[in-house]
């Protein structure tokens, strides 16, 4: 699944266009490398997102194509 789509489906970022912009601005890293929005994710990848001065680090657990709001937090595990 594409990185920007995953961020939107997991509800880490509210809109896909915002997720795409964050990737293009270099605020999203996957496994320690700056990632482009079209990067294909795999289970176990670690995503680091910088929101201003806050940093969110998560591990990918699942990648379903569609997910209900209540189940979105089961797609990832917060590391730090």
PDB file of N, CA and C in Angstrom:
ATOM      1  N   UNK A   1       0.845  -1.168   0.000  1.00  0.00           N
ATOM      2  CA  UNK A   1       0.000   0.000   0.000  1.00  0.00           C
ATOM      3  C   UNK A   1       0.900   1.244   0.000  1.00  0.00           C
ATOM      4  N   UNK A   2       0.485   2.253  -0.717  1.00  0.00           N
ATOM      5  CA  UNK A   2       1.230   3.512  -0.778  1.00  0.00           C
ATOM      6  C   UNK A   2       1.265   4.178   0.594  1.00  0.00           C
ATOM      7  N   UNK A   3       2.358   4.858   0.871  1.00  0.00           N
ATOM      8  CA  UNK A   3       2.544   5.517   2.161  1.00  0.00           C
ATOM      9  C   UNK A   3       1.458   6.549   2.434  1.00  0.00           C
ATOM     10  N   UNK A   4       1.144   7.417   1.471  1.00  0.00           N
ATOM     11  CA  UNK A   4       0.142   8.451   1.703  1.00  0.00           C
ATOM     12  C   UNK A   4      -1.243   7.850   1.956  1.00  0.00           C
ATOM     13  N   UNK A   5      -1.572   6.775   1.261  1.00  0.00           N
ATOM     14  CA  UNK A   5      -2.859   6.107   1.471  1.00  0.00           C
ATOM     15  C   UNK A   5      -2.913   5.442   2.851  1.00  0.00           C
ATOM     16  N   UNK A   6      -1.788   4.838   3.261  1.00  0.00           N
ATOM     17  CA  UNK A   6      -1.738   4.197   4.578  1.00  0.00           C
ATOM     18  C   UNK A   6      -1.944   5.225   5.693  1.00  0.00           C
ATOM     19  N   UNK A   7      -1.280   6.366   5.586  1.00  0.00           N
ATOM     20  CA  UNK A   7      -1.414   7.402   6.617  1.00  0.00           C
ATOM     21  C   UNK A   7      -2.855   7.884   6.721  1.00  0.00           C
ATOM     22  N   UNK A   8      -3.542   7.960   5.596  1.00  0.00           N
ATOM     23  CA  UNK A   8      -4.942   8.384   5.595  1.00  0.00           C
ATOM     24  C   UNK A   8      -5.853   7.272   6.135  1.00  0.00           C
ATOM     25  N   UNK A   9      -5.680   6.032   5.671  1.00  0.00           N
ATOM     26  CA  UNK A   9      -6.535   4.921   6.113  1.00  0.00           C
ATOM     27  C   UNK A   9      -6.381   4.636   7.602  1.00  0.00           C
ATOM     28  N   UNK A  10      -5.172   4.798   8.120  1.00  0.00           N
ATOM     29  CA  UNK A  10      -4.939   4.546   9.538  1.00  0.00           C
ATOM     30  C   UNK A  10      -5.342   5.741  10.399  1.00  0.00           C
ATOM     31  N   UNK A  11      -5.708   6.813   9.744  1.00  0.00           N
ATOM     32  CA  UNK A  11      -6.147   8.054  10.391  1.00  0.00           C
ATOM     33  C   UNK A  11      -5.046   8.702  11.233  1.00  0.00           C
ATOM     34  N   UNK A  12      -3.793   8.453  10.862  1.00  0.00           N
ATOM     35  CA  UNK A  12      -2.679   9.172  11.482  1.00  0.00           C
ATOM     36  C   UNK A  12      -2.705  10.605  10.962  1.00  0.00           C
ATOM     37  N   UNK A  13      -2.968  10.752   9.657  1.00  0.00           N
ATOM     38  CA  UNK A  13      -3.159  12.061   9.033  1.00  0.00           C
ATOM     39  C   UNK A  13      -4.555  12.051   8.415  1.00  0.00           C
ATOM     40  N   UNK A  14      -5.267  13.158   8.568  1.00  0.00           N
ATOM     41  CA  UNK A  14      -6.690  13.192   8.244  1.00  0.00           C
ATOM     42  C   UNK A  14      -7.008  13.053   6.756  1.00  0.00           C
ATOM     43  N   UNK A  15      -6.227  13.694   5.888  1.00  0.00           N
ATOM     44  CA  UNK A  15      -6.510  13.657   4.454  1.00  0.00           C
ATOM     45  C   UNK A  15      -5.301  13.165   3.672  1.00  0.00           C
ATOM     46  N   UNK A  16      -5.575  12.505   2.553  1.00  0.00           N
ATOM     47  CA  UNK A  16      -4.483  11.955   1.741  1.00  0.00           C
ATOM     48  C   UNK A  16      -3.630  13.063   1.132  1.00  0.00           C
ATOM     49  N   UNK A  17      -4.242  14.162   0.739  1.00  0.00           N
ATOM     50  CA  UNK A  17      -3.463  15.267   0.167  1.00  0.00           C
ATOM     51  C   UNK A  17      -2.520  15.866   1.208  1.00  0.00           C
ATOM     52  N   UNK A  18      -2.960  15.933   2.452  1.00  0.00           N
ATOM     53  CA  UNK A  18      -2.104  16.436   3.538  1.00  0.00           C
ATOM     54  C   UNK A  18      -0.958  15.449   3.780  1.00  0.00           C
ATOM     55  N   UNK A  19      -1.245  14.155   3.722  1.00  0.00           N
ATOM     56  CA  UNK A  19      -0.210  13.135   3.884  1.00  0.00           C
ATOM     57  C   UNK A  19       0.815  13.237   2.756  1.00  0.00           C
ATOM     58  N   UNK A  20       0.335  13.468   1.535  1.00  0.00           N
ATOM     59  CA  UNK A  20       1.224  13.595   0.383  1.00  0.00           C
ATOM     60  C   UNK A  20       2.132  14.810   0.550  1.00  0.00           C
ATOM     61  N   UNK A  21       1.556  15.934   0.981  1.00  0.00           N
ATOM     62  CA  UNK A  21       2.343  17.151   1.185  1.00  0.00           C
ATOM     63  C   UNK A  21       3.397  16.956   2.278  1.00  0.00           C
ATOM     64  N   UNK A  22       3.041  16.270   3.354  1.00  0.00           N
ATOM     65  CA  UNK A  22       3.992  16.018   4.445  1.00  0.00           C
ATOM     66  C   UNK A  22       5.173  15.192   3.929  1.00  0.00           C
ATOM     67  N   UNK A  23       4.891  14.209   3.086  1.00  0.00           N
ATOM     68  CA  UNK A  23       5.965  13.384   2.511  1.00  0.00           C
ATOM     69  C   UNK A  23       6.849  14.218   1.596  1.00  0.00           C
ATOM     70  N   UNK A  24       6.232  15.043   0.761  1.00  0.00           N
ATOM     71  CA  UNK A  24       6.993  15.861  -0.182  1.00  0.00           C
ATOM     72  C   UNK A  24       7.857  16.902   0.530  1.00  0.00           C
ATOM     73  N   UNK A  25       7.452  17.322   1.718  1.00  0.00           N
ATOM     74  CA  UNK A  25       8.216  18.303   2.485  1.00  0.00           C
ATOM     75  C   UNK A  25       9.292  17.646   3.343  1.00  0.00           C
ATOM     76  N   UNK A  26       9.417  16.327   3.286  1.00  0.00           N
ATOM     77  CA  UNK A  26      10.463  15.622   4.010  1.00  0.00           C
ATOM     78  C   UNK A  26      10.183  15.427   5.487  1.00  0.00           C
ATOM     79  N   UNK A  27       8.919  15.485   5.885  1.00  0.00           N
ATOM     80  CA  UNK A  27       8.564  15.317   7.295  1.00  0.00           C
ATOM     81  C   UNK A  27       8.204  13.887   7.660  1.00  0.00           C
ATOM     82  N   UNK A  28       8.279  12.955   6.685  1.00  0.00           N
ATOM     83  CA  UNK A  28       7.941  11.558   6.934  1.00  0.00           C
ATOM     84  C   UNK A  28       9.134  10.685   6.551  1.00  0.00           C
ATOM     85  N   UNK A  29       9.526   9.806   7.464  1.00  0.00           N
ATOM     86  CA  UNK A  29      10.613   8.866   7.214  1.00  0.00           C
ATOM     87  C   UNK A  29      10.095   7.446   7.404  1.00  0.00           C
ATOM     88  N   UNK A  30      10.591   6.549   6.575  1.00  0.00           N
ATOM     89  CA  UNK A  30      10.273   5.129   6.722  1.00  0.00           C
ATOM     90  C   UNK A  30      11.594   4.394   6.882  1.00  0.00           C
ATOM     91  N   UNK A  31      11.727   3.694   7.993  1.00  0.00           N
ATOM     92  CA  UNK A  31      12.951   2.949   8.311  1.00  0.00           C
ATOM     93  C   UNK A  31      14.187   3.846   8.262  1.00  0.00           C
ATOM     94  N   UNK A  32      14.046   5.081   8.743  1.00  0.00           N
ATOM     95  CA  UNK A  32      15.178   5.994   8.843  1.00  0.00           C
ATOM     96  C   UNK A  32      15.509   6.775   7.590  1.00  0.00           C
ATOM     97  N   UNK A  33      14.747   6.611   6.523  1.00  0.00           N
ATOM     98  CA  UNK A  33      14.998   7.331   5.273  1.00  0.00           C
ATOM     99  C   UNK A  33      13.800   8.202   4.926  1.00  0.00           C
ATOM    100  N   UNK A  34      14.063   9.400   4.407  1.00  0.00           N
ATOM    101  CA  UNK A  34      12.976  10.278   3.972  1.00  0.00           C
ATOM    102  C   UNK A  34      12.215   9.566   2.857  1.00  0.00           C
ATOM    103  N   UNK A  35      10.878   9.563   2.980  1.00  0.00           N
ATOM    104  CA  UNK A  35      10.045   8.764   2.083  1.00  0.00           C
ATOM    105  C   UNK A  35       9.201   9.639   1.172  1.00  0.00           C
ATOM    106  N   UNK A  36       8.987   9.144  -0.043  1.00  0.00           N
ATOM    107  CA  UNK A  36       8.087   9.784  -0.990  1.00  0.00           C
ATOM    108  C   UNK A  36       6.684   9.213  -0.778  1.00  0.00           C
ATOM    109  N   UNK A  37       5.647   9.953  -1.207  1.00  0.00           N
ATOM    110  CA  UNK A  37       4.267   9.494  -0.966  1.00  0.00           C
ATOM    111  C   UNK A  37       3.928   8.154  -1.622  1.00  0.00           C
ATOM    112  N   UNK A  38       4.594   7.797  -2.708  1.00  0.00           N
ATOM    113  CA  UNK A  38       4.274   6.562  -3.423  1.00  0.00           C
ATOM    114  C   UNK A  38       5.038   5.343  -2.948  1.00  0.00           C
ATOM    115  N   UNK A  39       5.808   5.467  -1.878  1.00  0.00           N
ATOM    116  CA  UNK A  39       6.578   4.340  -1.362  1.00  0.00           C
ATOM    117  C   UNK A  39       5.647   3.209  -0.942  1.00  0.00           C
ATOM    118  N   UNK A  40       5.949   1.994  -1.383  1.00  0.00           N
ATOM    119  CA  UNK A  40       5.145   0.825  -1.007  1.00  0.00           C
ATOM    120  C   UNK A  40       5.577   0.335   0.374  1.00  0.00           C
ATOM    121  N   UNK A  41       4.641   0.331   1.307  1.00  0.00           N
ATOM    122  CA  UNK A  41       4.922  -0.112   2.673  1.00  0.00           C
ATOM    123  C   UNK A  41       4.794  -1.617   2.798  1.00  0.00           C
ATOM    124  N   UNK A  42       5.491  -2.166   3.799  1.00  0.00           N
ATOM    125  CA  UNK A  42       5.385  -3.580   4.144  1.00  0.00           C
ATOM    126  C   UNK A  42       5.090  -3.661   5.641  1.00  0.00           C
ATOM    127  N   UNK A  43       4.520  -4.766   6.072  1.00  0.00           N
ATOM    128  CA  UNK A  43       4.279  -4.984   7.489  1.00  0.00           C
ATOM    129  C   UNK A  43       5.619  -4.991   8.222  1.00  0.00           C
ATOM    130  N   UNK A  44       5.691  -4.257   9.325  1.00  0.00           N
ATOM    131  CA  UNK A  44       6.917  -4.177  10.103  1.00  0.00           C
ATOM    132  C   UNK A  44       7.722  -2.914   9.859  1.00  0.00           C
ATOM    133  N   UNK A  45       7.389  -2.144   8.817  1.00  0.00           N
ATOM    134  CA  UNK A  45       8.087  -0.883   8.564  1.00  0.00           C
ATOM    135  C   UNK A  45       7.835   0.091   9.700  1.00  0.00           C
ATOM    136  N   UNK A  46       8.830   0.931   9.988  1.00  0.00           N
ATOM    137  CA  UNK A  46       8.690   1.953  11.017  1.00  0.00           C
ATOM    138  C   UNK A  46       8.585   3.314  10.356  1.00  0.00           C
ATOM    139  N   UNK A  47       7.531   4.044  10.701  1.00  0.00           N
ATOM    140  CA  UNK A  47       7.267   5.358  10.127  1.00  0.00           C
ATOM    141  C   UNK A  47       7.489   6.411  11.206  1.00  0.00           C
ATOM    142  N   UNK A  48       8.262   7.448  10.875  1.00  0.00           N
ATOM    143  CA  UNK A  48       8.491   8.571  11.780  1.00  0.00           C
ATOM    144  C   UNK A  48       7.923   9.814  11.125  1.00  0.00           C
ATOM    145  N   UNK A  49       7.008  10.498  11.817  1.00  0.00           N
ATOM    146  CA  UNK A  49       6.362  11.697  11.279  1.00  0.00           C
ATOM    147  C   UNK A  49       6.642  12.862  12.213  1.00  0.00           C
ATOM    148  N   UNK A  50       7.057  13.989  11.625  1.00  0.00           N
ATOM    149  CA  UNK A  50       7.333  15.190  12.406  1.00  0.00           C
ATOM    150  C   UNK A  50       6.173  16.159  12.235  1.00  0.00           C
ATOM    151  N   UNK A  51       5.479  16.455  13.332  1.00  0.00           N
ATOM    152  CA  UNK A  51       4.397  17.434  13.371  1.00  0.00           C
ATOM    153  C   UNK A  51       4.913  18.643  14.143  1.00  0.00           C
ATOM    154  N   UNK A  52       5.493  19.615  13.467  1.00  0.00           N
ATOM    155  CA  UNK A  52       6.069  20.764  14.173  1.00  0.00           C
ATOM    156  C   UNK A  52       7.199  20.291  15.066  1.00  0.00           C
ATOM    157  N   UNK A  53       7.054  20.466  16.383  1.00  0.00           N
ATOM    158  CA  UNK A  53       8.091  20.013  17.315  1.00  0.00           C
ATOM    159  C   UNK A  53       7.791  18.610  17.866  1.00  0.00           C
ATOM    160  N   UNK A  54       6.634  18.050  17.530  1.00  0.00           N
ATOM    161  CA  UNK A  54       6.271  16.709  17.988  1.00  0.00           C
ATOM    162  C   UNK A  54       6.696  15.657  16.974  1.00  0.00           C
ATOM    163  N   UNK A  55       7.148  14.530  17.471  1.00  0.00           N
ATOM    164  CA  UNK A  55       7.551  13.426  16.608  1.00  0.00           C
ATOM    165  C   UNK A  55       6.749  12.189  16.992  1.00  0.00           C
ATOM    166  N   UNK A  56       6.150  11.550  15.992  1.00  0.00           N
ATOM    167  CA  UNK A  56       5.372  10.334  16.203  1.00  0.00           C
ATOM    168  C   UNK A  56       6.070   9.202  15.461  1.00  0.00           C
ATOM    169  N   UNK A  57       6.337   8.114  16.169  1.00  0.00           N
ATOM    170  CA  UNK A  57       6.982   6.954  15.562  1.00  0.00           C
ATOM    171  C   UNK A  57       6.060   5.757  15.723  1.00  0.00           C
ATOM    172  N   UNK A  58       5.701   5.120  14.607  1.00  0.00           N
ATOM    173  CA  UNK A  58       4.785   3.979  14.635  1.00  0.00           C
ATOM    174  C   UNK A  58       5.356   2.825  13.821  1.00  0.00           C
ATOM    175  N   UNK A  59       4.887   1.618  14.127  1.00  0.00           N
ATOM    176  CA  UNK A  59       5.252   0.409  13.379  1.00  0.00           C
ATOM    177  C   UNK A  59       4.002  -0.103  12.677  1.00  0.00           C
ATOM    178  N   UNK A  60       4.131  -0.432  11.400  1.00  0.00           N
ATOM    179  CA  UNK A  60       3.013  -0.935  10.599  1.00  0.00           C
ATOM    180  C   UNK A  60       2.692  -2.367  11.020  1.00  0.00           C
ATOM    181  N   UNK A  61       1.427  -2.611  11.396  1.00  0.00           N
ATOM    182  CA  UNK A  61       0.994  -3.955  11.788  1.00  0.00           C
ATOM    183  C   UNK A  61       0.112  -4.614  10.730  1.00  0.00           C
ATOM    184  N   UNK A  62      -0.740  -3.814  10.079  1.00  0.00           N
ATOM    185  CA  UNK A  62      -1.667  -4.355   9.083  1.00  0.00           C
ATOM    186  C   UNK A  62      -1.960  -3.290   8.039  1.00  0.00           C
ATOM    187  N   UNK A  63      -2.393  -3.741   6.850  1.00  0.00           N
ATOM    188  CA  UNK A  63      -2.685  -2.813   5.764  1.00  0.00           C
ATOM    189  C   UNK A  63      -3.970  -3.176   5.020  1.00  0.00           C
ATOM    190  N   UNK A  64      -5.101  -3.177   5.689  1.00  0.00           N
ATOM    191  CA  UNK A  64      -6.347  -3.469   4.974  1.00  0.00           C
ATOM    192  C   UNK A  64      -6.726  -2.303   4.053  1.00  0.00           C
ATOM    193  N   UNK A  65      -7.380  -2.607   2.932  1.00  0.00           N
ATOM    194  CA  UNK A  65      -7.766  -1.571   1.978  1.00  0.00           C
ATOM    195  C   UNK A  65      -8.803  -0.611   2.555  1.00  0.00           C
ATOM    196  N   UNK A  66      -9.743  -1.152   3.311  1.00  0.00           N
ATOM    197  CA  UNK A  66     -10.728  -0.286   3.948  1.00  0.00           C
ATOM    198  C   UNK A  66     -10.838  -0.686   5.414  1.00  0.00           C
ATOM    199  N   UNK A  67     -11.038   0.309   6.261  1.00  0.00           N
ATOM    200  CA  UNK A  67     -11.071   0.037   7.700  1.00  0.00           C
ATOM    201  C   UNK A  67     -12.061   0.991   8.357  1.00  0.00           C
ATOM    202  N   UNK A  68     -12.770   0.499   9.364  1.00  0.00           N
ATOM    203  CA  UNK A  68     -13.703   1.344  10.094  1.00  0.00           C
ATOM    204  C   UNK A  68     -12.928   2.231  11.057  1.00  0.00           C
ATOM    205  N   UNK A  69     -13.533   3.331  11.422  1.00  0.00           N
ATOM    206  CA  UNK A  69     -12.896   4.302  12.316  1.00  0.00           C
ATOM    207  C   UNK A  69     -12.453   3.655  13.620  1.00  0.00           C
ATOM    208  N   UNK A  70     -13.275   2.778  14.161  1.00  0.00           N
ATOM    209  CA  UNK A  70     -12.981   2.139  15.444  1.00  0.00           C
ATOM    210  C   UNK A  70     -11.771   1.196  15.360  1.00  0.00           C
ATOM    211  N   UNK A  71     -11.519   0.656  14.168  1.00  0.00           N
ATOM    212  CA  UNK A  71     -10.449  -0.318  13.997  1.00  0.00           C
ATOM    213  C   UNK A  71      -9.159   0.283  13.457  1.00  0.00           C
ATOM    214  N   UNK A  72      -9.150   1.582  13.183  1.00  0.00           N
ATOM    215  CA  UNK A  72      -7.988   2.225  12.550  1.00  0.00           C
ATOM    216  C   UNK A  72      -6.735   2.120  13.412  1.00  0.00           C
ATOM    217  N   UNK A  73      -6.874   2.208  14.736  1.00  0.00           N
ATOM    218  CA  UNK A  73      -5.681   2.164  15.594  1.00  0.00           C
ATOM    219  C   UNK A  73      -5.057   0.761  15.669  1.00  0.00           C
ATOM    220  N   UNK A  74      -5.737  -0.254  15.152  1.00  0.00           N
ATOM    221  CA  UNK A  74      -5.156  -1.601  15.129  1.00  0.00           C
ATOM    222  C   UNK A  74      -4.204  -1.786  13.941  1.00  0.00           C
ATOM    223  N   UNK A  75      -4.124  -0.797  13.063  1.00  0.00           N
ATOM    224  CA  UNK A  75      -3.251  -0.885  11.883  1.00  0.00           C
ATOM    225  C   UNK A  75      -1.791  -0.578  12.234  1.00  0.00           C
ATOM    226  N   UNK A  76      -1.567   0.053  13.391  1.00  0.00           N
ATOM    227  CA  UNK A  76      -0.203   0.443  13.748  1.00  0.00           C
ATOM    228  C   UNK A  76      -0.003   0.359  15.254  1.00  0.00           C
ATOM    229  N   UNK A  77       1.277   0.370  15.637  1.00  0.00           N
ATOM    230  CA  UNK A  77       1.661   0.345  17.057  1.00  0.00           C
ATOM    231  C   UNK A  77       2.548   1.564  17.299  1.00  0.00           C
ATOM    232  N   UNK A  78       2.199   2.375  18.279  1.00  0.00           N
ATOM    233  CA  UNK A  78       3.000   3.559  18.590  1.00  0.00           C
ATOM    234  C   UNK A  78       4.259   3.124  19.330  1.00  0.00           C
ATOM    235  N   UNK A  79       5.414   3.552  18.812  1.00  0.00           N
ATOM    236  CA  UNK A  79       6.692   3.201  19.425  1.00  0.00           C
ATOM    237  C   UNK A  79       7.139   4.318  20.357  1.00  0.00           C
ATOM    238  N   UNK A  80       7.101   5.557  19.847  1.00  0.00           N
ATOM    239  CA  UNK A  80       7.530   6.703  20.667  1.00  0.00           C
ATOM    240  C   UNK A  80       6.772   7.942  20.273  1.00  0.00           C
TER     241      UNK A  80
END
